[in-house]
Amino acid sequence: MKQFFNENEGCIFVYDKNLDNHYKKTTTKSLFSEKDLNTRNIDNEKDFNSLESDLNKYFEKDFQDNLIVLKRFITDLKLTSEVNNALNYFSKYGVIGDFRTPRHKQLMANEFKEAMLQIFGNNTSEFKEKIGDMLAYKKGGQFSNLIDYSELSDKILQLMGKLIFNVVIPKNQNDYFVLPDCSSVTERAKINTYFNPDIREIAYIGIPLTSKIYIHVFSEKIFKEKIHVPAITFANSNEVRRLNIISYNICESKIASKNQNYLVNFIKGIKTIA
């Protein structure tokens, strides 16, 4: 989020599509956050630290160092192993984006609750309430946040196989990428063979990394033939807008921008189309 913060104006600009409201914040600390989002319940005690520590160790601590490597690549165009490691690092960050949102956590809790009710065949209000408390992520339910994000991202990327990267830079200096509250975009496809032919796994990740850098990550398995994907693409205003519309559509409620004028005009354009 710091990559979308306007240091000159001392704030980040936000639009809430559910409330149709533009506003700004002078800090990113409380932006896109929610109480107990990463809370675990261990032996009936709330654990506020272990999942946060996992996030810090594997997704936050080395963010700036890897971003410096990527920016250097954009300048000198030397695709080294260090650059490839940085791209893989950001892929791990991007692939867990939606898994971290209240939307996904609530969906998983609801599906788990429904499955347990069907298994036990007990639909009394007391039993439903008990199961609901066990699963509710907002209360640090004992089945919430069980898996570390680092472990989850490793498993997903392993299933994706070889990754193909494309770094997108706006041609126009007045164009900016926006940040959705789910941090990234993912798309699923049938990329592996299973007994159940309907299983679809994450095959694409879209990451608005900074206001001027967007990363596409593809599983090589989605292409029938080997293709050449340019390492860097310079996008025109329409392409930047298209990527921002995707971010707008998949966000839970909020998108953030470094530039107020761009965000205001972007939203006006969306409303005109609607």
Protein backbone atom coordinates (compact mmCIF):
# COMPACT_ATOMS: atom_id res chain seq x y z
CA MET A 1 0.00 0.00 0.00
CA LYS A 2 2.94 2.34 0.59
CA GLN A 3 3.64 2.16 -3.16
CA PHE A 4 0.29 3.91 -3.75
CA PHE A 5 0.79 6.57 -1.08
CA ASN A 6 1.36 10.12 -2.31
CA GLU A 7 4.35 11.33 -0.31
CA ASN A 8 4.10 14.90 -1.67
CA GLU A 9 0.51 15.31 -0.50
CA GLY A 10 0.90 13.11 2.56
CA CYS A 11 -2.08 10.86 1.84
CA ILE A 12 -3.55 8.04 -0.21
CA PHE A 13 -6.77 8.52 -2.18
CA VAL A 14 -9.55 5.97 -1.78
CA TYR A 15 -12.89 5.24 -3.42
CA ASP A 16 -15.54 3.06 -1.78
CA LYS A 17 -17.83 1.73 -4.51
CA ASN A 18 -20.41 0.42 -2.06
CA LEU A 19 -20.85 3.85 -0.49
CA ASP A 20 -20.01 5.80 -3.68
CA ASN A 21 -17.58 7.83 -1.61
CA HIS A 22 -14.22 9.45 -2.34
CA TYR A 23 -11.95 10.14 0.61
CA LYS A 24 -8.28 10.26 1.59
CA LYS A 25 -6.22 8.82 4.43
CA THR A 26 -3.00 10.16 5.88
CA THR A 27 -1.75 6.65 6.69
CA THR A 28 -1.94 3.19 5.14
CA LYS A 29 -1.86 1.38 8.48
CA SER A 30 -5.63 1.09 8.88
CA LEU A 31 -6.44 0.90 5.17
CA PHE A 32 -8.11 -2.34 4.01
CA SER A 33 -7.83 -3.75 7.54
CA GLU A 34 -10.38 -5.50 9.72
CA LYS A 35 -10.33 -6.69 13.31
CA ASP A 36 -9.44 -10.39 13.81
CA LEU A 37 -8.84 -10.92 10.10
CA ASN A 38 -5.65 -12.88 10.88
CA THR A 39 -6.61 -14.11 14.35
CA ARG A 40 -6.35 -17.78 15.26
CA ASN A 41 -7.86 -19.69 18.17
CA ILE A 42 -5.38 -22.07 19.80
CA ASP A 43 -6.59 -24.03 22.85
CA ASN A 44 -9.43 -21.51 23.23
CA GLU A 45 -6.93 -18.66 23.39
CA LYS A 46 -6.76 -15.97 20.72
CA ASP A 47 -3.50 -15.95 18.79
CA PHE A 48 -2.96 -12.55 17.20
CA ASN A 49 0.68 -13.05 16.23
CA SER A 50 1.52 -16.28 14.41
CA LEU A 51 -0.24 -15.54 11.10
CA GLU A 52 0.90 -11.92 11.19
CA SER A 53 4.47 -13.16 11.74
CA ASP A 54 4.13 -15.45 8.73
CA LEU A 55 3.00 -12.50 6.62
CA ASN A 56 5.87 -10.36 7.83
CA LYS A 57 8.55 -13.00 7.31
CA TYR A 58 7.54 -14.23 3.87
CA PHE A 59 5.61 -11.37 2.27
CA GLU A 60 6.48 -8.03 3.85
CA LYS A 61 10.04 -8.03 5.21
CA ASP A 62 11.77 -8.40 1.82
CA PHE A 63 9.20 -6.51 -0.25
CA GLN A 64 11.25 -3.35 -0.67
CA ASP A 65 14.48 -5.19 -1.55
CA ASN A 66 12.72 -7.20 -4.26
CA LEU A 67 11.03 -4.08 -5.59
CA ILE A 68 14.44 -2.42 -5.97
CA VAL A 69 15.61 -5.45 -7.98
CA LEU A 70 12.55 -5.26 -10.23
CA LYS A 71 12.91 -1.52 -10.81
CA ARG A 72 16.55 -2.04 -11.76
CA PHE A 73 15.45 -4.68 -14.28
CA ILE A 74 12.96 -2.22 -15.81
CA THR A 75 15.84 0.21 -16.29
CA ASP A 76 18.66 -2.05 -17.48
CA LEU A 77 16.59 -4.93 -19.00
CA LYS A 78 18.98 -7.55 -17.62
CA LEU A 79 16.92 -10.63 -16.75
CA THR A 80 19.09 -12.24 -14.06
CA SER A 81 18.39 -14.99 -11.54
CA GLU A 82 17.96 -12.23 -8.95
CA VAL A 83 15.20 -10.69 -11.05
CA ASN A 84 13.54 -14.06 -11.51
CA ASN A 85 13.64 -14.61 -7.74
CA ALA A 86 12.01 -11.22 -7.22
CA LEU A 87 9.24 -12.06 -9.69
CA ASN A 88 8.63 -15.36 -7.93
CA TYR A 89 8.53 -13.51 -4.60
CA PHE A 90 5.81 -11.16 -5.89
CA SER A 91 3.93 -14.12 -7.36
CA LYS A 92 3.71 -15.63 -3.87
CA TYR A 93 2.44 -12.30 -2.60
CA GLY A 94 -0.16 -12.00 -5.36
CA VAL A 95 -1.51 -15.52 -5.24
CA ILE A 96 -2.79 -15.17 -1.66
CA GLY A 97 -4.50 -11.82 -2.24
CA ASP A 98 -8.11 -12.98 -2.19
CA PHE A 99 -7.44 -15.62 0.47
CA ARG A 100 -6.66 -12.78 2.89
CA THR A 101 -9.95 -10.94 2.38
CA PRO A 102 -13.03 -11.07 4.65
CA ARG A 103 -14.98 -12.08 1.56
CA HIS A 104 -13.02 -15.29 1.06
CA LYS A 105 -12.73 -16.12 4.76
CA GLN A 106 -16.49 -15.74 5.22
CA LEU A 107 -17.16 -17.85 2.13
CA MET A 108 -14.93 -20.63 3.43
CA ALA A 109 -16.55 -20.45 6.87
CA ASN A 110 -20.02 -20.68 5.34
CA GLU A 111 -19.10 -23.65 3.14
CA PHE A 112 -17.41 -25.48 6.03
CA LYS A 113 -20.40 -24.81 8.27
CA GLU A 114 -22.86 -26.13 5.66
CA ALA A 115 -20.75 -29.26 5.15
CA MET A 116 -20.63 -29.96 8.89
CA LEU A 117 -24.37 -29.48 9.28
CA GLN A 118 -25.01 -31.94 6.46
CA ILE A 119 -22.60 -34.50 7.91
CA PHE A 120 -24.05 -34.40 11.40
CA GLY A 121 -27.63 -33.94 10.27
CA ASN A 122 -28.41 -31.75 13.25
CA ASN A 123 -30.10 -28.50 12.31
CA THR A 124 -31.18 -27.18 15.69
CA SER A 125 -30.58 -23.49 16.25
CA GLU A 126 -28.29 -24.29 19.20
CA PHE A 127 -26.11 -26.59 17.08
CA LYS A 128 -25.98 -24.07 14.23
CA GLU A 129 -24.90 -21.35 16.64
CA LYS A 130 -22.20 -23.55 18.13
CA ILE A 131 -20.82 -24.46 14.67
CA GLY A 132 -21.01 -20.83 13.64
CA ASP A 133 -18.92 -19.74 16.63
CA MET A 134 -16.36 -22.45 15.90
CA LEU A 135 -15.90 -21.21 12.35
CA ALA A 136 -16.38 -17.45 12.55
CA TYR A 137 -13.11 -15.83 11.51
CA LYS A 138 -14.16 -12.52 13.07
CA LYS A 139 -14.22 -14.23 16.45
CA GLY A 140 -11.02 -16.13 15.86
CA GLY A 141 -12.92 -19.38 15.33
CA GLN A 142 -10.89 -22.52 15.97
CA PHE A 143 -11.11 -23.54 12.29
CA SER A 144 -10.23 -20.09 10.98
CA ASN A 145 -6.82 -19.20 9.55
CA LEU A 146 -5.43 -22.69 10.11
CA ILE A 147 -2.92 -22.68 7.27
CA ASP A 148 0.03 -20.28 6.96
CA TYR A 149 -0.09 -18.00 3.92
CA SER A 150 3.47 -19.02 3.05
CA GLU A 151 2.50 -22.69 2.93
CA LEU A 152 -0.63 -21.93 0.91
CA SER A 153 1.23 -19.86 -1.68
CA ASP A 154 3.95 -22.50 -2.10
CA LYS A 155 1.35 -25.18 -2.79
CA ILE A 156 -0.53 -23.06 -5.34
CA LEU A 157 2.60 -22.00 -7.22
CA GLN A 158 3.82 -25.58 -7.30
CA LEU A 159 0.56 -26.60 -8.98
CA MET A 160 0.91 -23.72 -11.46
CA GLY A 161 4.25 -25.13 -12.62
CA LYS A 162 6.56 -22.98 -14.72
CA LEU A 163 5.62 -19.32 -14.52
CA ILE A 164 5.64 -16.78 -17.34
CA PHE A 165 5.96 -13.12 -16.37
CA ASN A 166 5.05 -9.86 -18.04
CA VAL A 167 5.77 -6.51 -16.37
CA VAL A 168 3.51 -3.66 -17.52
CA ILE A 169 4.50 0.03 -17.36
CA PRO A 170 2.19 2.92 -18.36
CA LYS A 171 3.37 4.86 -21.43
CA ASN A 172 1.64 8.01 -20.28
CA GLN A 173 3.06 9.59 -17.14
CA ASN A 174 -0.47 10.72 -16.21
CA ASP A 175 -1.72 7.14 -15.99
CA TYR A 176 -1.68 5.23 -12.71
CA PHE A 177 -2.54 1.73 -11.57
CA VAL A 178 -5.04 1.50 -8.74
CA LEU A 179 -4.85 -0.91 -5.81
CA PRO A 180 -7.91 -3.06 -4.95
CA ASP A 181 -8.57 -4.04 -1.34
CA CYS A 182 -7.90 -7.68 -2.28
CA SER A 183 -4.42 -6.64 -3.54
CA SER A 184 -4.39 -8.86 -6.65
CA VAL A 185 -6.42 -10.62 -9.33
CA THR A 186 -6.50 -14.39 -9.86
CA GLU A 187 -8.13 -16.53 -12.55
CA ARG A 188 -8.65 -20.27 -12.51
CA ALA A 189 -8.34 -22.86 -15.28
CA LYS A 190 -8.00 -26.62 -15.75
CA ILE A 191 -4.22 -26.88 -15.67
CA ASN A 192 -3.76 -30.29 -14.02
CA THR A 193 -5.37 -33.70 -14.52
CA TYR A 194 -7.61 -35.11 -11.81
CA PHE A 195 -10.28 -37.79 -11.49
CA ASN A 196 -12.75 -34.91 -11.20
CA PRO A 197 -12.45 -33.09 -14.56
CA ASP A 198 -14.14 -29.94 -13.20
CA ILE A 199 -11.34 -28.96 -10.82
CA ARG A 200 -9.97 -25.54 -11.74
CA GLU A 201 -6.88 -24.06 -10.11
CA ILE A 202 -5.26 -20.66 -10.10
CA ALA A 203 -3.55 -20.25 -13.46
CA TYR A 204 -3.12 -16.48 -13.67
CA ILE A 205 -2.19 -13.73 -11.21
CA GLY A 206 -2.46 -9.99 -11.86
CA ILE A 207 -0.62 -7.75 -9.39
CA PRO A 208 -0.79 -3.94 -9.32
CA LEU A 209 2.53 -3.73 -7.51
CA THR A 210 2.99 0.04 -7.54
CA SER A 211 1.15 2.94 -9.17
CA LYS A 212 3.48 2.45 -12.16
CA ILE A 213 4.12 -1.32 -12.21
CA TYR A 214 1.67 -4.14 -12.92
CA ILE A 215 2.77 -7.77 -13.13
CA HIS A 216 1.06 -10.54 -15.10
CA VAL A 217 1.93 -14.09 -13.99
CA PHE A 218 0.78 -17.00 -16.16
CA SER A 219 1.03 -20.73 -15.65
CA GLU A 220 2.73 -22.14 -18.74
CA LYS A 221 0.13 -24.93 -18.61
CA ILE A 222 -2.66 -22.69 -19.91
CA PHE A 223 -0.94 -22.41 -23.30
CA LYS A 224 -1.19 -25.32 -25.71
CA GLU A 225 2.02 -24.30 -27.43
CA LYS A 226 5.13 -22.51 -26.24
CA ILE A 227 4.71 -18.78 -26.63
CA HIS A 228 6.94 -15.77 -26.31
CA VAL A 229 5.69 -13.28 -23.76
CA PRO A 230 7.56 -9.94 -23.65
CA ALA A 231 9.29 -9.40 -20.34
CA ILE A 232 8.17 -5.75 -20.30
CA THR A 233 5.18 -4.10 -21.98
CA PHE A 234 4.54 -0.38 -22.18
CA ALA A 235 0.78 0.06 -21.96
CA ASN A 236 -1.31 2.83 -23.45
CA SER A 237 -4.04 4.59 -21.48
CA ASN A 238 -6.76 2.20 -22.61
CA GLU A 239 -4.80 -0.83 -21.42
CA VAL A 240 -4.04 0.78 -18.06
CA ARG A 241 -7.72 1.62 -17.72
CA ARG A 242 -8.71 -1.95 -18.62
CA LEU A 243 -6.49 -3.37 -15.89
CA ASN A 244 -7.86 -0.84 -13.41
CA ILE A 245 -11.44 -1.79 -14.31
CA ILE A 246 -10.59 -5.39 -13.45
CA SER A 247 -9.23 -4.25 -10.09
CA TYR A 248 -12.39 -2.20 -9.53
CA ASN A 249 -14.66 -5.12 -10.39
CA ILE A 250 -12.95 -7.64 -8.13
CA CYS A 251 -12.43 -5.43 -5.08
CA GLU A 252 -14.69 -5.99 -2.07
CA SER A 253 -15.50 -2.31 -1.76
CA LYS A 254 -12.43 -0.08 -2.04
CA ILE A 255 -9.68 0.87 -4.45
CA ALA A 256 -6.80 3.22 -3.69
CA SER A 257 -4.71 5.50 -5.87
CA LYS A 258 -1.66 7.71 -5.65
CA ASN A 259 -3.27 10.38 -7.80
CA GLN A 260 -6.57 12.00 -6.89
CA ASN A 261 -7.39 13.42 -10.32
CA TYR A 262 -6.79 10.09 -12.02
CA LEU A 263 -8.99 8.25 -9.51
CA VAL A 264 -11.84 10.77 -9.77
CA ASN A 265 -11.82 10.72 -13.58
CA PHE A 266 -11.50 6.93 -13.64
CA ILE A 267 -14.62 6.54 -11.48
CA LYS A 268 -16.50 9.10 -13.58
CA GLY A 269 -15.70 7.05 -16.66
CA ILE A 270 -17.00 3.87 -15.06
CA LYS A 271 -20.23 5.57 -14.02
CA THR A 272 -20.70 6.92 -17.55
CA ILE A 273 -20.46 3.40 -18.98
CA ALA A 274 -22.81 2.00 -16.31
